[in-house]
Every structure is written in C-alpha cells, then in structure tokens.
Protein backbone atom coordinates (compact mmCIF):
# COMPACT_ATOMS: atom_id res chain seq x y z
CA UNK A 1 -0.12 -0.10 -0.36
CA UNK A 2 1.62 3.40 -1.13
CA UNK A 3 1.87 6.40 1.36
CA UNK A 4 -1.35 8.02 -1.06
CA UNK A 5 -3.65 5.04 -0.32
CA UNK A 6 -2.83 4.89 3.46
CA UNK A 7 -3.82 8.77 3.64
CA UNK A 8 -6.72 7.95 1.96
CA UNK A 9 -7.45 4.87 4.07
CA UNK A 10 -7.33 7.50 7.24
CA UNK A 11 -9.52 9.67 5.41
CA UNK A 12 -12.17 7.35 4.74
CA UNK A 13 -11.99 5.69 7.94
CA UNK A 14 -12.72 8.99 9.76
CA UNK A 15 -15.19 9.87 8.21
CA UNK A 16 -17.38 7.07 7.74
CA UNK A 17 -16.62 6.10 11.87
CA UNK A 18 -18.54 7.91 14.65
CA UNK A 19 -16.09 8.58 17.58
CA UNK A 20 -17.70 7.54 20.50
CA UNK A 21 -19.30 10.46 21.93
CA UNK A 22 -17.33 12.73 19.99
CA UNK A 23 -18.47 14.76 17.44
CA UNK A 24 -15.30 14.98 15.34
CA UNK A 25 -14.43 18.93 14.35
CA UNK A 26 -14.49 18.68 10.11
CA UNK A 27 -11.08 19.00 9.57
CA UNK A 28 -10.51 15.87 11.90
CA UNK A 29 -9.07 13.61 8.86
CA UNK A 30 -7.06 16.19 7.30
CA UNK A 31 -5.56 16.61 10.83
CA UNK A 32 -4.48 13.12 11.32
CA UNK A 33 -3.57 12.62 7.40
CA UNK A 34 -0.80 15.77 7.79
CA UNK A 35 0.44 14.39 11.18
CA UNK A 36 1.36 11.00 9.25
CA UNK A 37 2.83 12.96 6.35
CA UNK A 38 4.79 14.87 8.81
CA UNK A 39 6.08 12.00 10.41
CA UNK A 40 5.70 8.97 8.11
CA UNK A 41 10.08 8.19 7.87
CA UNK A 42 8.77 6.41 11.49
CA UNK A 43 7.23 3.91 9.48
CA UNK A 44 10.86 2.62 9.84
CA UNK A 45 10.12 1.74 13.05
CA UNK A 46 7.20 0.58 13.15
CA UNK A 47 4.58 3.67 13.08
CA UNK A 48 1.20 3.62 11.52
CA UNK A 49 -0.54 7.18 11.44
CA UNK A 50 0.28 7.46 15.32
CA UNK A 51 3.01 8.79 16.97
CA UNK A 52 4.61 5.22 18.89
CA UNK A 53 5.52 5.60 22.38
CA UNK A 54 9.18 7.18 22.74
CA UNK A 55 10.30 6.12 26.13
CA UNK A 56 9.61 2.90 27.27
CA UNK A 57 13.22 1.57 26.45
CA UNK A 58 15.22 3.84 28.86
CA UNK A 59 14.65 1.49 31.54
CA UNK A 60 16.46 -1.91 30.21
CA UNK A 61 19.81 -1.88 30.15
CA UNK A 62 20.74 -5.00 27.59
CA UNK A 63 24.35 -5.37 26.78
CA UNK A 64 25.88 -5.70 23.28
CA UNK A 65 23.73 -7.95 21.79
CA UNK A 66 25.56 -11.16 21.59
CA UNK A 67 24.15 -15.10 21.06
CA UNK A 68 22.30 -16.80 23.74
CA UNK A 69 24.31 -18.22 26.65
CA UNK A 70 22.87 -21.97 26.55
CA UNK A 71 24.32 -22.22 30.38
CA UNK A 72 21.29 -19.45 31.15
CA UNK A 73 17.71 -20.34 30.11
CA UNK A 74 15.20 -18.56 30.14
CA UNK A 75 13.79 -18.17 34.02
CA UNK A 76 10.15 -19.56 34.75
CA UNK A 77 8.01 -16.48 35.81
CA UNK A 78 7.86 -15.80 39.48
CA UNK A 79 4.36 -14.55 41.08
CA UNK A 80 4.14 -10.96 42.58
CA UNK A 81 3.52 -10.91 46.01
CA UNK A 82 -0.41 -10.86 47.14
CA UNK A 83 -1.00 -11.71 43.08
CA UNK A 84 -3.60 -14.27 41.54
CA UNK A 85 -4.52 -14.47 37.89
CA UNK A 86 -7.84 -11.98 37.34
CA UNK A 87 -9.91 -10.59 34.53
CA UNK A 88 -12.04 -7.62 34.08
CA UNK A 89 -14.44 -5.70 31.61
CA UNK A 90 -13.85 -2.20 32.45
CA UNK A 91 -16.18 -0.33 29.98
CA UNK A 92 -15.51 2.69 30.17
CA UNK A 93 -12.44 2.87 31.87
CA UNK A 94 -10.02 1.15 30.17
CA UNK A 95 -10.36 1.60 26.43
CA UNK A 96 -7.85 4.24 25.77
CA UNK A 97 -4.94 2.39 27.38
CA UNK A 98 -3.57 1.64 31.15
CA UNK A 99 -0.29 2.51 33.16
CA UNK A 100 1.51 -0.29 35.58
CA UNK A 101 3.34 1.81 38.69
CA UNK A 102 4.10 -0.79 41.52
CA UNK A 103 1.03 -2.95 42.34
CA UNK A 104 -1.30 -0.17 40.98
CA UNK A 105 -3.24 0.16 37.45
CA UNK A 106 -4.12 3.14 35.74
CA UNK A 107 -6.54 3.44 33.09
CA UNK A 108 -8.77 5.60 31.02
CA UNK A 109 -11.91 4.82 29.04
CA UNK A 110 -14.77 6.88 27.76
CA UNK A 111 -16.56 7.48 31.04
CA UNK A 112 -13.30 7.93 32.82
CA UNK A 113 -10.30 10.08 32.24
CA UNK A 114 -8.81 7.93 35.18
CA UNK A 115 -9.47 4.64 36.91
CA UNK A 116 -7.18 3.22 39.57
CA UNK A 117 -7.23 -0.51 39.24
CA UNK A 118 -5.29 -3.20 42.32
CA UNK A 119 -2.76 -4.84 39.38
CA UNK A 120 -2.99 -7.81 41.70
CA UNK A 121 -6.46 -8.40 42.22
CA UNK A 122 -8.25 -6.14 39.73
CA UNK A 123 -10.42 -4.47 41.77
CA UNK A 124 -11.43 -0.76 41.09
CA UNK A 125 -10.05 1.86 43.55
CA UNK A 126 -11.39 5.07 42.36
CA UNK A 127 -12.21 7.32 39.27
CA UNK A 128 -12.06 10.22 37.63
CA UNK A 129 -15.30 11.16 35.32
CA UNK A 130 -15.17 12.35 31.78
CA UNK A 131 -15.75 16.55 32.01
CA UNK A 132 -18.48 17.29 30.23
CA UNK A 133 -18.99 15.01 26.59
CA UNK A 134 -16.24 13.08 24.20
CA UNK A 135 -13.10 11.51 24.82
CA UNK A 136 -9.54 11.45 23.23
CA UNK A 137 -7.05 8.73 22.49
CA UNK A 138 -4.93 8.82 25.77
CA UNK A 139 -4.67 7.42 29.28
CA UNK A 140 -2.66 8.18 32.06
CA UNK A 141 1.05 8.60 31.09
CA UNK A 142 3.25 9.06 34.53
CA UNK A 143 3.45 8.56 38.28
CA UNK A 144 5.52 10.72 40.62
CA UNK A 145 6.03 11.28 44.44
CA UNK A 146 2.14 9.97 44.52
CA UNK A 147 0.93 12.55 41.72
CA UNK A 148 -0.50 11.13 38.38
CA UNK A 149 -0.25 12.94 35.20
CA UNK A 150 -2.59 12.15 32.70
CA UNK A 151 -5.46 14.15 30.22
CA UNK A 152 -8.65 15.52 30.66
CA UNK A 153 -11.66 17.39 28.17
CA UNK A 154 -11.15 21.32 28.71
CA UNK A 155 -15.12 22.58 29.10
CA UNK A 156 -16.35 23.99 25.97
CA UNK A 157 -19.59 24.46 24.84
CA UNK A 158 -21.42 23.25 21.82
CA UNK A 159 -21.31 25.24 18.86
CA UNK A 160 -24.64 26.59 17.17
CA UNK A 161 -24.41 23.49 14.16
CA UNK A 162 -24.07 20.97 17.46
CA UNK A 163 -20.07 20.02 16.69
CA UNK A 164 -18.26 19.81 19.69
CA UNK A 165 -15.27 21.62 19.62
CA UNK A 166 -12.55 19.78 21.49
CA UNK A 167 -10.57 21.16 23.80
CA UNK A 168 -7.81 19.09 26.21
CA UNK A 169 -6.37 19.87 29.51
CA UNK A 170 -3.12 18.32 31.12
CA UNK A 171 -4.50 17.36 34.79
CA UNK A 172 -2.50 15.92 38.28
CA UNK A 173 -4.39 13.50 40.17
CA UNK A 174 -3.80 12.03 43.70
CA UNK A 175 -2.50 9.04 43.06
CA UNK A 176 -3.92 7.45 46.51
CA UNK A 177 -7.88 9.63 46.36
CA UNK A 178 -8.18 10.32 43.08
CA UNK A 179 -8.69 14.24 43.94
CA UNK A 180 -7.91 16.71 41.08
CA UNK A 181 -5.07 18.53 42.27
CA UNK A 182 -4.79 20.79 39.08
CA UNK A 183 -5.15 21.09 35.73
CA UNK A 184 -3.42 23.41 32.60
CA UNK A 185 -5.05 23.97 29.10
CA UNK A 186 -3.32 22.38 26.45
CA UNK A 187 -3.38 24.11 22.44
CA UNK A 188 -5.04 21.66 21.01
CA UNK A 189 -6.18 18.08 21.00
CA UNK A 190 -2.69 16.20 20.98
CA UNK A 191 -2.78 13.82 23.33
CA UNK A 192 0.00 11.09 22.64
CA UNK A 193 3.44 10.51 24.61
CA UNK A 194 4.46 13.64 22.70
CA UNK A 195 2.21 15.88 24.59
CA UNK A 196 3.74 16.17 27.98
CA UNK A 197 6.27 14.21 30.39
CA UNK A 198 8.01 14.29 33.24
CA UNK A 199 11.83 15.82 33.41
CA UNK A 200 13.52 16.56 37.00
CA UNK A 201 11.54 18.51 38.81
CA UNK A 202 9.07 19.12 36.24
CA UNK A 203 6.05 18.18 33.83
CA UNK A 204 7.20 18.86 30.40
CA UNK A 205 3.85 20.02 28.24
CA UNK A 206 3.25 21.23 24.87
CA UNK A 207 1.30 24.42 25.89
CA UNK A 208 0.48 27.47 25.81
CA UNK A 209 1.07 27.43 21.97
CA UNK A 210 1.85 24.95 19.58
CA UNK A 211 5.34 25.68 19.20
CA UNK A 212 6.33 25.86 22.99
CA UNK A 213 7.60 23.14 25.56
CA UNK A 214 6.64 25.06 29.48
CA UNK A 215 8.28 23.25 32.56
CA UNK A 216 5.23 22.91 35.10
CA UNK A 217 5.60 22.78 39.08
CA UNK A 218 4.49 18.90 39.31
CA UNK A 219 2.70 20.03 42.26
CA UNK A 220 0.85 23.09 41.33
CA UNK A 221 0.64 23.38 37.38
CA UNK A 222 2.53 26.81 37.67
CA UNK A 223 5.06 27.82 34.81
CA UNK A 224 8.64 27.35 35.68
CA UNK A 225 10.26 28.03 31.98
CA UNK A 226 9.35 28.06 28.39
CA UNK A 227 10.55 27.33 25.13
CA UNK A 228 9.95 28.16 21.86
CA UNK A 229 11.05 26.70 18.45
CA UNK A 230 10.64 28.48 15.07
CA UNK A 231 7.79 29.01 12.74
CA UNK A 232 7.59 25.92 10.16
CA UNK A 233 9.84 23.68 12.61
CA UNK A 234 8.47 20.41 14.01
CA UNK A 235 10.16 19.61 16.78
CA UNK A 236 9.86 16.15 18.43
CA UNK A 237 10.86 15.77 22.62
CA UNK A 238 12.11 12.83 24.59
CA UNK A 239 13.56 12.81 27.99
CA UNK A 240 17.18 11.03 28.91
CA UNK A 241 17.70 10.71 32.65
CA UNK A 242 15.26 13.64 33.59
CA UNK A 243 16.89 15.77 30.96
CA UNK A 244 14.54 16.94 27.95
CA UNK A 245 15.96 16.82 24.36
CA UNK A 246 14.07 18.20 21.52
CA UNK A 247 14.73 16.77 17.78
CA UNK A 248 13.97 19.66 15.04
CA UNK A 249 13.27 19.98 11.49
CA UNK A 250 11.73 21.98 8.95
CA UNK A 251 8.19 21.48 8.43
CA UNK A 252 8.76 20.20 4.65
CA UNK A 253 8.66 16.94 2.27
CA UNK A 254 11.90 16.79 1.92
CA UNK A 255 14.26 18.65 4.97
CA UNK A 256 17.97 19.52 4.71
CA UNK A 257 18.79 18.99 8.20
CA UNK A 258 17.86 18.03 11.49
CA UNK A 259 19.00 19.48 14.82
CA UNK A 260 19.30 17.97 17.81
CA UNK A 261 19.02 20.59 21.72
CA UNK A 262 19.47 19.80 24.94
CA UNK A 263 17.49 21.86 27.39
CA UNK A 264 18.54 22.52 30.70
CA UNK A 265 15.81 21.28 32.95
CA UNK A 266 15.95 23.93 35.68
CA UNK A 267 16.17 27.06 33.56
CA UNK A 268 14.98 26.19 30.04
CA UNK A 269 18.28 27.48 28.05
CA UNK A 270 18.99 25.34 24.60
CA UNK A 271 22.27 23.87 23.40
CA UNK A 272 22.92 22.15 20.13
CA UNK A 273 24.46 18.88 20.62
CA UNK A 274 24.17 18.68 16.98
CA UNK A 275 23.02 18.61 13.24
CA UNK A 276 22.41 15.73 11.45
CA UNK A 277 22.00 16.08 7.18
CA UNK A 278 18.33 15.64 6.16
CA UNK A 279 15.55 14.59 8.04
CA UNK A 280 15.37 12.41 11.00
CA UNK A 281 12.48 11.11 13.66
CA UNK A 282 12.74 9.78 16.99
CA UNK A 283 12.39 6.38 17.31
CA UNK A 284 13.00 6.28 20.92
CA UNK A 285 15.13 6.26 23.87
CA UNK A 286 18.28 3.51 24.90
CA UNK A 287 19.54 4.54 28.14
CA UNK A 288 20.94 7.49 28.23
CA UNK A 289 21.60 7.73 24.16
CA UNK A 290 18.41 8.89 21.38
CA UNK A 291 17.46 6.96 18.80
CA UNK A 292 16.71 8.89 15.84
CA UNK A 293 15.32 7.13 12.09
CA UNK A 294 16.34 8.33 8.97
CA UNK A 295 13.25 9.93 6.87
CA UNK A 296 12.99 7.09 4.26
CA UNK A 297 10.43 6.08 1.57
CA UNK A 298 8.44 3.41 2.99
CA UNK A 299 8.97 0.96 0.09
CA UNK A 300 13.48 1.00 1.48
CA UNK A 301 14.69 -1.84 2.29
CA UNK A 302 17.36 -0.12 4.68
CA UNK A 303 16.92 1.27 7.63
CA UNK A 304 19.72 3.80 8.77
CA UNK A 305 19.33 4.39 12.47
CA UNK A 306 21.36 7.02 14.29
CA UNK A 307 22.11 6.61 18.18
CA UNK A 308 23.53 10.35 19.91
CA UNK A 309 24.35 10.38 23.59
CA UNK A 310 23.47 13.50 25.73
CA UNK A 311 27.20 14.05 25.24
CA UNK A 312 26.81 14.50 21.25
CA UNK A 313 28.85 10.88 20.52
CA UNK A 314 26.96 9.46 17.24
CA UNK A 315 26.98 5.94 16.19
CA UNK A 316 25.18 4.97 12.55
CA UNK A 317 24.17 1.57 11.12
CA UNK A 318 22.10 1.04 8.32
CA UNK A 319 19.03 -2.41 9.12
CA UNK A 320 17.81 -4.49 6.24
CA UNK A 321 13.99 -4.57 6.54
CA UNK A 322 12.38 -6.85 4.47
CA UNK A 323 8.42 -5.75 4.02
CA UNK A 324 6.68 -2.80 6.23
CA UNK A 325 6.71 -3.13 9.53
CA UNK A 326 3.74 -3.29 12.02
CA UNK A 327 5.07 -2.49 15.26
CA UNK A 328 8.32 -2.19 16.52
CA UNK A 329 10.41 -0.82 20.09
CA UNK A 330 13.58 0.36 21.34
CA UNK A 331 14.41 -1.40 24.76
CA UNK A 332 17.78 -1.04 25.98
CA UNK A 333 20.34 -1.99 23.21
CA UNK A 334 17.80 -3.59 20.58
CA UNK A 335 15.43 -2.38 18.37
CA UNK A 336 12.70 -5.27 18.37
CA UNK A 337 9.97 -5.55 15.46
CA UNK A 338 7.58 -6.97 13.69
CA UNK A 339 6.81 -7.10 9.89
CA UNK A 340 3.11 -7.76 8.90
CA UNK A 341 3.91 -10.95 7.58
CA UNK A 342 4.44 -12.13 10.74
CA UNK A 343 7.98 -11.88 11.39
CA UNK A 344 9.78 -10.83 14.47
CA UNK A 345 13.41 -9.64 14.61
CA UNK A 346 15.87 -7.87 16.94
CA UNK A 347 18.46 -5.83 15.61
CA UNK A 348 21.43 -4.67 17.80
CA UNK A 349 22.18 -0.80 18.20
CA UNK A 350 25.88 -1.17 19.00
CA UNK A 351 26.97 -3.43 16.50
CA UNK A 352 24.42 -2.86 13.77
CA UNK A 353 23.51 -6.73 13.45
CA UNK A 354 20.64 -8.13 12.78
CA UNK A 355 20.36 -10.44 15.48
CA UNK A 356 17.69 -13.00 15.03
CA UNK A 357 14.06 -13.23 12.84
CA UNK A 358 11.70 -15.60 13.48
CA UNK A 359 8.04 -16.01 13.79
CA UNK A 360 6.22 -13.65 16.27
CA UNK A 361 3.87 -16.44 17.14
CA UNK A 362 0.40 -14.37 17.43
CA UNK A 363 -2.11 -14.08 14.50
CA UNK A 364 -1.39 -10.81 12.80
CA UNK A 365 -4.11 -8.87 12.59
CA UNK A 366 -5.76 -7.16 8.56
CA UNK A 367 -3.61 -4.22 7.89
CA UNK A 368 -7.02 -2.55 6.96
CA UNK A 369 -8.60 -2.49 10.21
CA UNK A 370 -6.64 0.29 11.61
CA UNK A 371 -6.00 -1.78 15.35
CA UNK A 372 -2.42 -3.28 15.08
CA UNK A 373 -0.18 -5.44 16.97
CA UNK A 374 0.39 -4.16 20.97
CA UNK A 375 3.72 -2.74 21.36
CA UNK A 376 6.52 -5.67 22.07
CA UNK A 377 7.33 -5.61 26.27
CA UNK A 378 10.98 -6.97 27.71
CA UNK A 379 11.43 -8.56 30.46
CA UNK A 380 14.55 -7.70 31.79
CA UNK A 381 14.98 -10.22 34.47
CA UNK A 382 13.45 -13.18 32.38
CA UNK A 383 15.19 -11.98 29.20
CA UNK A 384 11.38 -13.04 27.49
CA UNK A 385 10.13 -10.24 24.76
CA UNK A 386 5.80 -10.51 24.61
CA UNK A 387 3.84 -10.08 21.97
CA UNK A 388 0.06 -9.68 22.12
CA UNK A 389 -2.32 -9.96 19.24
CA UNK A 390 -5.71 -8.12 19.72
CA UNK A 391 -7.12 -11.54 18.49
CA UNK A 392 -6.31 -12.63 22.10
CA UNK A 393 -3.25 -14.54 20.98
CA UNK A 394 0.51 -13.90 23.57
CA UNK A 395 3.97 -15.50 22.72
CA UNK A 396 6.93 -14.87 24.74
CA UNK A 397 10.49 -14.64 22.40
CA UNK A 398 13.82 -15.47 24.30
CA UNK A 399 15.42 -12.20 24.00
CA UNK A 400 18.80 -13.22 22.72
CA UNK A 401 17.77 -16.15 20.43
CA UNK A 402 14.47 -15.56 18.83
CA UNK A 403 12.84 -18.90 20.06
CA UNK A 404 9.68 -19.26 21.10
CA UNK A 405 9.27 -20.18 25.23
CA UNK A 406 5.63 -19.70 25.71
CA UNK A 407 2.21 -19.15 24.14
CA UNK A 408 -0.79 -18.97 25.29
CA UNK A 409 -4.60 -17.41 24.06
CA UNK A 410 -6.98 -15.21 25.82
CA UNK A 411 -10.55 -14.27 24.93
CA UNK A 412 -10.85 -10.34 24.10
CA UNK A 413 -14.51 -10.34 22.70
CA UNK A 414 -15.58 -10.38 18.93
CA UNK A 415 -13.68 -7.80 16.72
CA UNK A 416 -15.82 -4.43 16.36
CA UNK A 417 -15.52 -2.06 13.59
CA UNK A 418 -14.46 1.46 14.31
CA UNK A 419 -11.89 3.44 15.34
CA UNK A 420 -10.07 1.39 18.20
CA UNK A 421 -6.65 2.01 20.10
CA UNK A 422 -4.31 -0.96 19.46
CA UNK A 423 -4.17 -3.30 22.75
CA UNK A 424 -1.45 -3.28 25.21
CA UNK A 425 0.74 -6.06 26.99
CA UNK A 426 2.05 -4.43 30.19
CA UNK A 427 4.61 -6.20 32.87
CA UNK A 428 3.22 -6.13 36.90
CA UNK A 429 6.88 -7.99 38.12
CA UNK A 430 6.56 -11.56 35.81
CA UNK A 431 3.13 -11.01 35.64
CA UNK A 432 1.80 -9.51 32.40
CA UNK A 433 -1.57 -7.68 31.89
CA UNK A 434 -2.98 -7.90 28.58
CA UNK A 435 -5.53 -4.93 27.73
CA UNK A 436 -7.99 -5.32 24.71
CA UNK A 437 -10.26 -2.59 24.15
CA UNK A 438 -12.66 -2.96 27.32
CA UNK A 439 -10.89 -6.24 28.73
CA UNK A 440 -7.89 -6.90 30.69
CA UNK A 441 -6.68 -10.02 31.67
CA UNK A 442 -3.66 -10.86 34.26
CA UNK A 443 -1.78 -13.74 33.37
CA UNK A 444 1.16 -15.68 34.65
CA UNK A 445 3.52 -17.13 31.82
CA UNK A 446 4.29 -20.90 32.03
CA UNK A 447 7.42 -20.70 30.89
CA UNK A 448 9.37 -24.18 30.68
CA UNK A 449 6.15 -25.88 32.08
C-alpha cells in the first residue's frame, strides 16, 4: 500500500466512523493525515498513523547484543506478592489504555479520564469522570511522588451547528484518592506521548502554544520556564535521565537538516548537541541515548538508525528490513520489530547486526482495520520479549535467540469495527497485564512447564 493509499484510507475511515460520543471537527481527517505525512519516516521504526511511545525502552539495560548463553536458560516467571490471576471487563474505564506503577494499574476510557485498579486483583479503587462529552485516545502517562498525570476534556460549549469543539487539559491527580490537584489547558487535542512527559523537577508540556514546551511545577501546575522553537519547524521530544531533548527539522517534504537540542531542566536554556544532514525522526531512547531513524520511503528496504548520547557521541548503522513494519520498540540495546508478514526481528544498536528473525507467534491483524499489535514489552529479569495480538494471542520469545518459549490465548471478545486503540501488554513484575478494548486479563507466563 502506497503512502497516498494509506492517507486516503485514513480519510475514509475517519469520515465514516462515529467516534464514541464525540462529534469530530470537520477537518479531523486532514489533521490526522497531515500528522501522518509529517512523520511517515517513523514507519521505518514501526509507527503507522499515530506516534509511537518513545520512552519505554529507557529502563532496560541490555548489553551489546551477543548470542544466547546456553548455560542461562529463560527463568520461569514468579508471581508478584499478593497477586492472583484475574480478568475484568472495565467498560468505560480502560478502552484508551493503561499504565502499571508498582501494584497499581491506572487506565482511562470513554466514561473515566482516570481509573485506578489493584494490579494484583483487578479491583477498581477510584475513578475520575470524563469532563463533559467526548473523550480522546489517551491514558494516564506517568506517576511520580504520589501524583498521577494524564489528560481530560477542557470545558467547552457546543457550537451552533451542534459540533463539539474539543479541547484538552493536562491534569494532575492524587494517586491515592483520585482528587484533582490542578489542570492546565493545552493548545490542541494532542494527547500522544509527545504532548507531556516528566523531567527533573517538572512536567514538560506542549503548552501554551503549538511551538512551545513549558516546564510546569508538578505540585501546582505553575509555569517555571518555557522554550519556543521557530515557526515552520517541527520538534519531537524525549527525556534522558530527567533532561529534555528536542529533535527539530523544517516542516517540509524533504528537510535538509535535523537539529538535536538539549534543554536545561532547571532553566530551559537550549544548547545544540549536533546537526544531522537530511530528515531524521525520533524512534525511541536507549538508556542515556536518543535513537533516530532517517526519513525514507516506506518501500525502502534499508533502515538507517543513528544513536546519539547526551554528550554528542554518534553511532550510525543500516539495517535490512523486509516488508512493512507492523510495530516496533527500542528496548535497551535492541530494536525489536514485527513485520506485517508475522516475522519478529531483533537488531543491535551497538553493532548494527541483525541478532535474529523468527515467527512472532501470534496471529497478525488485518492491516486495513487500523488496530495493530500491541507494542512489544521486555522482561529484563527473564530475558523474554512478549507480543500480544488483538485476536487474543500471546507469545514470548527468548530475547537472545528469538526462540519461542511460551504462548497462550485469552478471550478478547468479538472484533468490532471502528477507530480503536491498539491493544496493550504490560508487565507487573513477572505477571502480564493484557488489555484489548475494555477487556483486561492478568496472567503468569508458564515458561518451561
């Protein structure tokens, strides 16, 4: 499918599908297509229309990517203390996604902008109701020092034609009680992982304008500093060890250069780390390094990645990628990707080598349904990468060899047409939390049984 065909498919779907309880503005389709066109170079790293999460790989610290050690087999999973298998149909509270923090599971759905569950039992502990009508494709994105951060609808009136003109607030909630602590209005309805993130001593948020990032006090929401980039530029954001970085390029079809900037987390002062020729997009983070993918046509078989440290050290490698990618994630020193043909591959960011390519072990979804695989998740302690399909298939591959060490299936219900968020697979210590739409299942992989 060509880029133009993808964009036309997006237009057709968004015009045809009635989003849950939201009357979308008439230009929504073009906004989504424009965002897709601006960032289609990230398809090389497995992104489709939405921007993929960019920080999950930062917590894993794998080595240089050698072969498997036959003397160290995959360790069987161990139950978290107080955990037991559970499942829930949390309608209205989980369709937009979830976040695990310790023994807590925080989710969002069309009825609730935030809902807290006990990750050991699935018991619902508190909820924050959606403000007004409508909801957005988002969920709580971070927890720190007893505060949960997420999004809610900004209070807005219906227009004379009956359309709901959406708006978004960044909100902070007491993680113990669900009480709203503060909210700040965002300039648009961007609730992706690029809209807000935690840095040292603040929440970095895309507010009050589309070209500005502001550091907000995590307890009050008051602005500490702001950084605004030039008109006509597009900047992606990432955080390395609490320090924010911007990856900026001209918002044109073929940009001639990409700047990497470091922002002081205390003052917001900017320092250019380096300039790369051509267009590059953020694919993820690996420890204290940014991982950038070179802009390319979706039909190109070679994917070029550049890894940049905070001090400006740079390493580049090209990888041969067969077919279009359904999903991918940067985890430690590896890029884990899955093709639409059902092949999972692991690439070393240090050596540039393909470590392995194996069947992913789950039924691949239909590419035309706009609901893909869950982003892969890695158990560092077990050295297993887990995959989850919207059909309910689960698979665990040995991170070192790609050998399938576990598989299972959970009931995710009958597939329903419409614009739906992709499923999720999360880790609660060694236990898995698999979510598809409103259904959540927590189970322990029986590896080696």
